[in-house]
Amino acid sequence: MRRKKKIWLRLAFLIILVIVAGIISWPYEIKVKIPKPNISFEKKAPFVKVETKGDLVNFTINYKIKEGLDLQGGSSIVYVADLSKIPEKDKTSAMDSLKKVIENRVNAFGLTEPIVRTSKSGNEYRVSVELAGIKNTDEALDLIGKTAQLEFKEYKNSEFVGTGLNGKDLKKADVTFDPNTNEPQVSIQFNADGAKKFEEITGRNVGQPIAIYLDDKIVSAPKVNEKIVGGNAQITGKFTFNEAKTLSIQLNAGALPASIKVIEQRTVGASLGQESINKSLIAAVLGIIAVSIYMIIYYRFLGIFSTIGLGLYLLFMLAIFKVFGVTLTMAGVAGLILSIGMSMETDVLVFERIREELRNGHAFIAASKLGFKRAWPSVRDSNAVSLIICAILYTAGGMIRGFAITLAIGIVVGLVTTYLGTQTLIDLISKRKFTKRNWLFRVEKEVQK
């Protein structure tokens, strides 16, 4: 009775997952209307559109898979870096730091797989950036181009002068909302040294303004009412949510080690034609069908569960891609197809152990339990090695990183699908009378009754 209860609980959990994944994977918009509450709304997720009409608030939810530059095109921007103030021996490392900061900014903004390259042309040091899906180059320029040099200045002799407190003393920055006006603002927290500096600066400027400068432009100049202890402050400036988010990303990613200037900007088309994409998708579908037919022919009844598990796997993968904004490139498609094969490999290991236990004379209920249990060490070690390889590939960056991410997600989802989905379905029928028929599982020896 206890085992039966566990099976039904697992089935209920599986059904909930399928329903949620199905809603997320639904290719059309989902519209929800609620009575308008007495608060203002700000769009906080890229897949939610908020509209206020009269006394109702309309939420339109539309999850979309992000496509990479090779599938949908995007923006290409070339910068020239000003390294005149950097010693010759440090210029290479400065360009490496510049590349890393730009990658961090783009990734934090939710745009994965940016292609960032550095090069030298004559005496010029250049950085080229390719961003998938951003057709408006002004949006990309706003995110990348700002140096994001944060500085706090105090008022002396009718002007604002530096205090020595700047972005290097910053620990983190987050988007928050003013409790009185509900307007977005950027809350910053200093490290230990920065907190000490901030306490001293506010202590000697009570009743005076302290200006917050970003890239030599004043953002706000709040008046200090009392000495501030703890190293926390807020940057306000009538931001929209997206402006506050962009600023927090720039501050967290760090200031650019050198100023950069745009010398070329253009919109690029997809590097792969629609015909090539369609052929790849057809090949993927035919591969899935072929694998399903083979599993059913070879493993018979168990193959049917494997095919159902494959359907669950694809549903969960699609939902994860949409929710977490995974950028899908052709390299990612290759990783997805490969992970399908690895998911089937897990099923093969489990099914062979089940058949082995059936040949040894165990009833199906015992054979299935032992099969999943005894196959686990092999499944665990095999997938652990694959995840280690994914981690190594991830460090390569670019398109290879997309392949590694997709493959790693697929490995984990495949394990969950087999040991939650397939095992639960098999446990449900494990006591049925027809499981005593050995030909259903392609077992040579008759099962003991």
Protein backbone atom coordinates (compact mmCIF):
# COMPACT_ATOMS: atom_id res chain seq x y z
CA MET A 1 0.00 0.00 0.00
CA ARG A 2 2.89 2.29 0.85
CA ARG A 3 4.59 1.58 -2.48
CA LYS A 4 1.34 2.22 -4.33
CA LYS A 5 0.96 5.58 -2.60
CA LYS A 6 4.47 6.61 -3.63
CA ILE A 7 3.77 5.65 -7.22
CA TRP A 8 0.59 7.74 -7.33
CA LEU A 9 2.36 10.70 -5.72
CA ARG A 10 5.11 10.50 -8.35
CA LEU A 11 2.48 10.25 -11.07
CA ALA A 12 0.67 13.34 -9.72
CA PHE A 13 3.95 15.28 -9.65
CA LEU A 14 4.71 14.13 -13.19
CA ILE A 15 1.28 15.25 -14.42
CA ILE A 16 1.78 18.69 -12.84
CA LEU A 17 5.17 19.00 -14.56
CA VAL A 18 3.64 18.00 -17.89
CA ILE A 19 0.82 20.54 -17.53
CA VAL A 20 3.22 23.38 -16.63
CA ALA A 21 5.65 22.42 -19.40
CA GLY A 22 2.75 22.15 -21.85
CA ILE A 23 1.53 25.67 -21.01
CA ILE A 24 5.03 27.08 -21.39
CA SER A 25 5.64 25.19 -24.64
CA TRP A 26 2.28 26.24 -26.11
CA PRO A 27 3.18 28.07 -29.34
CA TYR A 28 0.44 30.70 -29.03
CA GLU A 29 -0.13 33.61 -26.65
CA ILE A 30 -1.89 33.02 -23.33
CA LYS A 31 -3.99 35.96 -22.14
CA VAL A 32 -5.06 36.51 -18.52
CA LYS A 33 -7.24 39.36 -17.21
CA ILE A 34 -7.44 40.41 -13.55
CA PRO A 35 -9.09 43.37 -11.75
CA LYS A 36 -6.75 46.34 -11.56
CA PRO A 37 -5.16 46.65 -8.06
CA ASN A 38 -4.07 49.95 -6.51
CA ILE A 39 -0.42 49.59 -7.53
CA SER A 40 1.51 50.48 -10.65
CA PHE A 41 2.84 47.77 -12.91
CA GLU A 42 6.23 47.49 -14.54
CA LYS A 43 7.17 44.81 -17.04
CA LYS A 44 9.61 42.54 -15.23
CA ALA A 45 9.91 39.59 -17.60
CA PRO A 46 10.63 39.50 -21.33
CA PHE A 47 7.80 37.01 -21.96
CA VAL A 48 5.07 39.03 -20.19
CA LYS A 49 3.25 41.97 -21.74
CA VAL A 50 1.22 44.13 -19.34
CA GLU A 51 -1.59 46.40 -20.53
CA THR A 52 -4.03 48.39 -18.39
CA LYS A 53 -7.50 48.84 -19.83
CA GLY A 54 -10.08 50.52 -17.61
CA ASP A 55 -10.51 48.49 -14.44
CA LEU A 56 -8.68 45.45 -15.82
CA VAL A 57 -5.02 44.49 -16.22
CA ASN A 58 -4.27 42.28 -19.22
CA PHE A 59 -1.30 39.92 -18.97
CA THR A 60 -0.19 38.40 -22.27
CA ILE A 61 2.27 35.54 -21.78
CA ASN A 62 4.24 34.42 -24.79
CA TYR A 63 7.33 32.30 -24.28
CA LYS A 64 9.58 32.26 -27.33
CA ILE A 65 12.76 30.36 -28.04
CA LYS A 66 15.70 32.67 -28.60
CA GLU A 67 17.50 31.99 -31.84
CA GLY A 68 21.18 32.56 -32.38
CA LEU A 69 22.84 34.83 -34.90
CA ASP A 70 23.13 32.01 -37.45
CA LEU A 71 19.37 31.38 -37.29
CA GLN A 72 17.86 34.86 -37.03
CA GLY A 73 20.55 37.47 -37.62
CA GLY A 74 21.22 40.44 -35.35
CA SER A 75 23.64 43.34 -34.86
CA SER A 76 27.33 43.62 -35.61
CA ILE A 77 29.32 46.43 -34.00
CA VAL A 78 33.02 47.19 -34.30
CA TYR A 79 34.75 49.39 -31.71
CA VAL A 80 38.20 50.89 -31.56
CA ALA A 81 39.71 51.01 -28.08
CA ASP A 82 41.64 53.99 -26.75
CA LEU A 83 44.70 52.48 -25.06
CA SER A 84 46.83 55.62 -25.15
CA LYS A 85 46.97 55.78 -21.35
CA ILE A 86 47.87 52.11 -20.92
CA PRO A 87 51.51 50.92 -21.04
CA GLU A 88 52.45 48.86 -24.10
CA LYS A 89 53.10 45.72 -22.05
CA ASP A 90 49.61 45.87 -20.51
CA LYS A 91 47.63 46.48 -23.71
CA THR A 92 47.03 42.80 -24.49
CA SER A 93 45.69 42.08 -21.01
CA ALA A 94 43.58 45.26 -21.19
CA MET A 95 41.95 43.99 -24.40
CA ASP A 96 41.29 40.61 -22.76
CA SER A 97 39.64 42.40 -19.83
CA LEU A 98 37.62 44.53 -22.24
CA LYS A 99 36.36 41.41 -24.01
CA LYS A 100 35.41 39.76 -20.70
CA VAL A 101 33.49 42.80 -19.43
CA ILE A 102 31.50 43.07 -22.67
CA GLU A 103 30.67 39.34 -22.56
CA ASN A 104 29.54 39.67 -18.93
CA ARG A 105 27.28 42.62 -19.75
CA VAL A 106 25.62 40.87 -22.66
CA ASN A 107 25.17 37.56 -20.81
CA ALA A 108 23.71 39.27 -17.74
CA PHE A 109 21.20 41.06 -19.93
CA GLY A 110 19.85 37.68 -21.06
CA LEU A 111 21.50 37.58 -24.49
CA THR A 112 23.53 34.40 -24.53
CA GLU A 113 26.29 33.41 -26.89
CA PRO A 114 27.63 36.85 -27.84
CA ILE A 115 30.48 36.59 -30.32
CA VAL A 116 33.17 38.97 -29.07
CA ARG A 117 36.52 39.15 -30.85
CA THR A 118 39.57 41.35 -30.34
CA SER A 119 42.06 42.22 -33.06
CA LYS A 120 44.84 44.64 -33.94
CA SER A 121 44.87 46.59 -37.19
CA GLY A 122 48.05 48.64 -37.55
CA ASN A 123 48.23 50.67 -34.35
CA GLU A 124 44.51 50.29 -33.63
CA TYR A 125 43.06 47.81 -31.18
CA ARG A 126 39.57 46.73 -32.16
CA VAL A 127 36.67 44.82 -30.61
CA SER A 128 33.93 43.31 -32.75
CA VAL A 129 30.64 42.26 -31.14
CA GLU A 130 27.87 40.21 -32.74
CA LEU A 131 24.52 40.03 -30.91
CA ALA A 132 21.77 37.67 -31.99
CA GLY A 133 18.23 39.02 -32.19
CA ILE A 134 19.04 42.69 -31.62
CA LYS A 135 18.13 44.39 -34.89
CA ASN A 136 18.18 47.83 -33.24
CA THR A 137 21.89 48.68 -32.98
CA ASP A 138 21.11 51.64 -30.67
CA GLU A 139 19.94 49.15 -28.02
CA ALA A 140 23.22 47.26 -28.27
CA LEU A 141 25.26 50.45 -28.21
CA ASP A 142 23.50 51.59 -25.03
CA LEU A 143 24.31 48.33 -23.29
CA ILE A 144 27.90 47.87 -24.40
CA GLY A 145 29.25 51.28 -25.19
CA LYS A 146 29.06 52.98 -21.82
CA THR A 147 32.28 52.87 -19.86
CA ALA A 148 30.24 52.68 -16.62
CA GLN A 149 32.73 54.60 -14.49
CA LEU A 150 30.91 55.20 -11.19
CA GLU A 151 32.14 57.96 -8.92
CA PHE A 152 30.88 59.75 -5.81
CA LYS A 153 31.70 63.45 -5.40
CA GLU A 154 31.23 65.90 -2.54
CA TYR A 155 30.38 69.61 -2.75
CA LYS A 156 33.30 71.92 -1.96
CA ASN A 157 34.02 75.50 -2.98
CA SER A 158 30.95 75.72 -5.20
CA GLU A 159 31.77 72.56 -7.17
CA PHE A 160 31.72 68.79 -6.88
CA VAL A 161 35.11 67.17 -6.28
CA GLY A 162 36.20 63.56 -6.12
CA THR A 163 36.09 61.60 -2.88
CA GLY A 164 38.05 58.50 -3.88
CA LEU A 165 34.88 56.38 -3.70
CA ASN A 166 34.15 54.78 -7.09
CA GLY A 167 33.02 51.63 -8.87
CA LYS A 168 36.04 49.66 -7.68
CA ASP A 169 34.59 49.82 -4.16
CA LEU A 170 31.28 48.33 -5.33
CA LYS A 171 30.23 44.85 -4.16
CA LYS A 172 26.97 44.50 -6.09
CA ALA A 173 24.10 46.45 -7.64
CA ASP A 174 20.44 45.42 -7.86
CA VAL A 175 17.23 46.86 -9.25
CA THR A 176 14.77 47.76 -6.48
CA PHE A 177 11.68 49.94 -6.25
CA ASP A 178 11.17 53.08 -4.20
CA PRO A 179 8.64 52.15 -1.47
CA ASN A 180 6.99 55.58 -1.74
CA THR A 181 6.80 56.16 -5.49
CA ASN A 182 7.22 52.56 -6.73
CA GLU A 183 9.75 53.87 -9.28
CA PRO A 184 12.72 51.71 -10.25
CA GLN A 185 16.05 52.55 -8.68
CA VAL A 186 19.47 50.94 -8.43
CA SER A 187 20.49 49.83 -4.95
CA ILE A 188 24.23 49.45 -4.49
CA GLN A 189 26.25 47.78 -1.78
CA PHE A 190 29.90 48.58 -1.15
CA ASN A 191 32.63 46.20 -0.07
CA ALA A 192 34.32 46.60 3.31
CA ASP A 193 36.69 49.38 2.18
CA GLY A 194 33.94 51.13 0.24
CA ALA A 195 31.54 50.99 3.20
CA LYS A 196 34.18 52.63 5.41
CA LYS A 197 34.80 55.37 2.83
CA PHE A 198 31.07 55.95 2.38
CA GLU A 199 30.56 56.25 6.14
CA GLU A 200 33.34 58.85 6.38
CA ILE A 201 32.08 60.81 3.36
CA THR A 202 28.47 60.98 4.57
CA GLY A 203 29.65 61.79 8.10
CA ARG A 204 31.44 64.93 7.00
CA ASN A 205 28.74 66.00 4.53
CA VAL A 206 25.60 65.97 6.69
CA GLY A 207 23.24 68.58 5.29
CA GLN A 208 25.17 68.72 2.00
CA PRO A 209 24.56 66.93 -1.30
CA ILE A 210 26.71 64.07 -2.55
CA ALA A 211 26.68 63.70 -6.32
CA ILE A 212 26.67 60.35 -8.05
CA TYR A 213 28.45 60.48 -11.40
CA LEU A 214 28.35 57.87 -14.15
CA ASP A 215 30.79 58.35 -17.02
CA ASP A 216 31.41 61.95 -15.86
CA LYS A 217 27.70 62.76 -16.02
CA ILE A 218 25.72 63.51 -12.87
CA VAL A 219 22.92 61.01 -12.27
CA SER A 220 21.61 62.28 -8.95
CA ALA A 221 22.74 64.46 -6.04
CA PRO A 222 20.81 63.43 -2.92
CA LYS A 223 21.15 65.46 0.26
CA VAL A 224 22.77 63.66 3.20
CA ASN A 225 20.53 63.77 6.27
CA GLU A 226 22.76 61.70 8.52
CA LYS A 227 25.90 59.58 8.50
CA ILE A 228 25.16 56.33 6.65
CA VAL A 229 26.57 53.15 8.18
CA GLY A 230 26.52 49.76 6.49
CA GLY A 231 27.65 50.65 2.98
CA ASN A 232 24.28 50.76 1.20
CA ALA A 233 23.03 53.49 -1.14
CA GLN A 234 20.47 54.06 -3.87
CA ILE A 235 20.88 55.65 -7.30
CA THR A 236 17.70 57.37 -8.39
CA GLY A 237 17.06 59.26 -11.57
CA LYS A 238 13.56 58.70 -12.96
CA PHE A 239 14.67 55.40 -14.51
CA THR A 240 12.45 53.01 -16.41
CA PHE A 241 12.81 49.39 -15.35
CA ASN A 242 14.95 48.55 -18.39
CA GLU A 243 17.22 51.55 -17.80
CA ALA A 244 17.71 50.57 -14.16
CA LYS A 245 18.40 46.97 -15.17
CA THR A 246 20.96 48.01 -17.77
CA LEU A 247 22.74 50.27 -15.27
CA SER A 248 22.89 47.53 -12.62
CA ILE A 249 24.31 45.10 -15.20
CA GLN A 250 26.98 47.57 -16.23
CA LEU A 251 27.98 48.24 -12.63
CA ASN A 252 28.07 44.55 -11.72
CA ALA A 253 30.06 43.59 -14.81
CA GLY A 254 32.61 46.27 -14.01
CA ALA A 255 33.79 49.39 -15.77
CA LEU A 256 35.43 49.03 -19.15
CA PRO A 257 39.23 49.18 -18.71
CA ALA A 258 39.44 51.55 -21.68
CA SER A 259 37.11 53.88 -23.52
CA ILE A 260 35.76 52.58 -26.83
CA LYS A 261 34.45 54.30 -29.94
CA VAL A 262 32.14 52.89 -32.59
CA ILE A 263 33.67 52.75 -36.07
CA GLU A 264 31.15 50.40 -37.70
CA GLN A 265 27.62 49.25 -36.93
CA ARG A 266 25.28 47.20 -39.10
CA THR A 267 22.46 44.71 -39.03
CA VAL A 268 23.44 41.23 -40.24
CA GLY A 269 21.21 38.51 -41.67
CA ALA A 270 21.06 34.86 -40.68
CA SER A 271 24.16 32.98 -41.86
CA LEU A 272 22.06 29.88 -42.55
CA GLY A 273 19.25 29.97 -45.05
CA GLN A 274 15.73 28.94 -44.13
CA GLU A 275 16.06 25.92 -46.43
CA SER A 276 19.07 24.64 -44.47
CA ILE A 277 17.20 25.12 -41.19
CA ASN A 278 14.14 23.25 -42.50
CA LYS A 279 16.31 20.36 -43.70
CA SER A 280 17.98 20.14 -40.29
CA LEU A 281 14.60 20.06 -38.52
CA ILE A 282 13.31 17.38 -40.91
CA ALA A 283 16.45 15.33 -40.24
CA ALA A 284 15.90 15.69 -36.48
CA VAL A 285 12.25 14.58 -36.72
CA LEU A 286 13.14 11.58 -38.92
CA GLY A 287 15.90 10.64 -36.46
CA ILE A 288 13.49 10.74 -33.51
CA ILE A 289 10.94 8.63 -35.40
CA ALA A 290 13.62 6.10 -36.42
CA VAL A 291 14.89 5.78 -32.83
CA SER A 292 11.34 5.34 -31.51
CA ILE A 293 10.54 2.62 -34.08
CA TYR A 294 13.77 0.78 -33.27
CA MET A 295 13.11 0.88 -29.50
CA ILE A 296 9.58 -0.48 -29.99
CA ILE A 297 10.72 -3.26 -32.33
CA TYR A 298 13.64 -4.35 -30.16
CA TYR A 299 12.22 -3.82 -26.65
CA ARG A 300 8.56 -4.15 -27.59
CA PHE A 301 6.41 -3.10 -24.62
CA LEU A 302 9.31 -1.36 -22.86
CA GLY A 303 10.00 0.48 -26.12
CA ILE A 304 6.55 2.05 -25.94
CA PHE A 305 7.43 3.56 -22.54
CA SER A 306 10.74 4.71 -23.97
CA THR A 307 8.88 6.53 -26.75
CA ILE A 308 6.54 8.16 -24.23
CA GLY A 309 9.59 9.18 -22.20
CA LEU A 310 11.13 10.68 -25.33
CA GLY A 311 8.01 12.80 -25.80
CA LEU A 312 8.25 13.99 -22.20
CA TYR A 313 11.93 14.74 -22.72
CA LEU A 314 11.27 16.95 -25.74
CA LEU A 315 8.43 18.74 -23.91
CA PHE A 316 10.60 19.48 -20.86
CA MET A 317 13.54 20.61 -23.01
CA LEU A 318 11.34 23.00 -24.96
CA ALA A 319 9.93 24.46 -21.74
CA ILE A 320 13.40 24.93 -20.24
CA PHE A 321 14.66 26.62 -23.40
CA LYS A 322 11.78 29.08 -23.26
CA VAL A 323 11.80 29.84 -19.53
CA PHE A 324 15.55 30.31 -19.13
CA GLY A 325 16.01 32.04 -22.47
CA VAL A 326 18.54 29.57 -23.85
CA THR A 327 19.74 30.85 -27.22
CA LEU A 328 19.38 28.10 -29.81
CA THR A 329 21.94 27.93 -32.62
CA MET A 330 22.65 25.14 -35.07
CA ALA A 331 25.39 24.01 -32.69
CA GLY A 332 22.74 23.91 -29.95
CA VAL A 333 20.44 21.86 -32.21
CA ALA A 334 23.31 19.39 -32.66
CA GLY A 335 23.70 19.20 -28.87
CA LEU A 336 19.96 18.62 -28.49
CA ILE A 337 19.94 15.76 -31.00
CA LEU A 338 23.01 14.19 -29.38
CA SER A 339 21.39 14.43 -25.93
CA ILE A 340 18.35 12.55 -27.31
CA GLY A 341 20.66 9.68 -28.18
CA MET A 342 22.20 9.79 -24.71
CA SER A 343 18.73 9.73 -23.17
CA MET A 344 17.97 6.60 -25.19
CA GLU A 345 21.28 5.13 -23.99
CA THR A 346 20.02 5.45 -20.41
CA ASP A 347 16.83 3.61 -21.35
CA VAL A 348 18.85 0.86 -23.05
CA LEU A 349 20.98 0.30 -19.93
CA VAL A 350 17.87 0.11 -17.72
CA PHE A 351 15.87 -2.09 -20.08
CA GLU A 352 18.71 -4.57 -20.53
CA ARG A 353 18.98 -4.94 -16.75
CA ILE A 354 15.23 -5.49 -16.52
CA ARG A 355 15.37 -8.19 -19.20
CA GLU A 356 18.32 -9.81 -17.44
CA GLU A 357 16.36 -9.99 -14.20
CA LEU A 358 13.39 -11.45 -16.08
CA ARG A 359 15.64 -14.16 -17.54
CA ASN A 360 16.77 -14.95 -14.00
CA GLY A 361 13.18 -15.78 -13.13
CA HIS A 362 12.07 -12.63 -11.31
CA ALA A 363 8.52 -11.39 -11.69
CA PHE A 364 8.20 -8.15 -13.63
CA ILE A 365 7.55 -6.03 -10.52
CA ALA A 366 10.83 -7.20 -8.96
CA ALA A 367 12.72 -7.15 -12.26
CA SER A 368 11.78 -3.52 -12.99
CA LYS A 369 12.78 -2.38 -9.52
CA LEU A 370 16.12 -4.20 -9.68
CA GLY A 371 16.70 -3.06 -13.25
CA PHE A 372 16.48 0.64 -12.42
CA LYS A 373 18.51 0.17 -9.23
CA ARG A 374 21.34 -1.90 -10.72
CA ALA A 375 21.61 0.16 -13.89
CA TRP A 376 22.07 3.38 -11.90
CA PRO A 377 25.85 3.09 -11.25
CA SER A 378 26.55 2.71 -14.99
CA VAL A 379 24.07 5.48 -15.87
CA ARG A 380 25.52 7.80 -13.22
CA ASP A 381 29.15 7.33 -14.24
CA SER A 382 28.42 7.62 -17.96
CA ASN A 383 26.50 10.87 -17.57
CA ALA A 384 29.00 12.29 -15.07
CA VAL A 385 31.79 11.88 -17.63
CA SER A 386 29.61 13.54 -20.27
CA LEU A 387 28.89 16.50 -17.96
CA ILE A 388 32.61 16.93 -17.28
CA ILE A 389 33.21 17.07 -21.03
CA CYS A 390 30.43 19.68 -21.32
CA ALA A 391 32.13 21.78 -18.65
CA ILE A 392 35.40 21.65 -20.62
CA LEU A 393 33.65 22.58 -23.88
CA TYR A 394 31.86 25.47 -22.13
CA THR A 395 35.17 27.24 -21.51
CA ALA A 396 35.78 27.43 -25.28
CA GLY A 397 33.05 30.08 -25.62
CA GLY A 398 31.22 31.08 -28.79
CA MET A 399 29.18 28.49 -30.66
CA ILE A 400 30.86 25.61 -28.81
CA ARG A 401 29.55 27.01 -25.53
CA GLY A 402 25.99 26.80 -26.90
CA PHE A 403 26.56 23.17 -27.85
CA ALA A 404 27.90 22.40 -24.36
CA ILE A 405 25.00 24.13 -22.57
CA THR A 406 22.34 22.37 -24.64
CA LEU A 407 24.02 18.98 -24.24
CA ALA A 408 24.39 19.41 -20.46
CA ILE A 409 20.74 20.43 -20.04
CA GLY A 410 19.72 17.46 -22.19
CA ILE A 411 21.73 15.01 -20.08
CA VAL A 412 20.12 16.19 -16.84
CA VAL A 413 16.60 16.28 -18.32
CA GLY A 414 17.14 12.81 -19.80
CA LEU A 415 17.98 11.40 -16.37
CA VAL A 416 14.91 13.04 -14.84
CA THR A 417 12.69 11.75 -17.66
CA THR A 418 13.92 8.17 -17.30
CA TYR A 419 13.95 7.92 -13.50
CA LEU A 420 10.80 9.95 -12.93
CA GLY A 421 8.70 9.61 -16.06
CA THR A 422 9.54 6.19 -17.52
CA GLN A 423 10.02 4.49 -14.14
CA THR A 424 6.71 5.83 -12.82
CA LEU A 425 4.81 4.58 -15.87
CA ILE A 426 6.46 1.15 -15.66
CA ASP A 427 5.68 0.91 -11.93
CA LEU A 428 2.02 1.60 -12.69
CA ILE A 429 1.68 -1.55 -14.82
CA SER A 430 4.18 -3.73 -12.96
CA LYS A 431 1.45 -5.79 -11.22
CA ARG A 432 -0.73 -6.32 -14.28
CA LYS A 433 -1.24 -9.91 -15.42
CA PHE A 434 -0.02 -9.27 -18.95
CA THR A 435 3.49 -8.49 -17.61
CA LYS A 436 3.92 -12.26 -17.12
CA ARG A 437 4.02 -12.74 -20.88
CA ASN A 438 7.71 -12.89 -21.71
CA TRP A 439 7.30 -12.13 -25.43
CA LEU A 440 6.14 -8.61 -24.54
CA PHE A 441 9.67 -7.86 -23.34
CA ARG A 442 11.56 -10.02 -25.84
CA VAL A 443 12.73 -12.37 -23.10
CA GLU A 444 13.57 -15.92 -24.06
CA LYS A 445 12.74 -17.59 -20.72
CA GLU A 446 9.19 -17.77 -19.37
CA VAL A 447 8.61 -15.58 -16.34
CA GLN A 448 7.97 -17.39 -13.09
CA LYS A 449 4.48 -17.06 -11.69
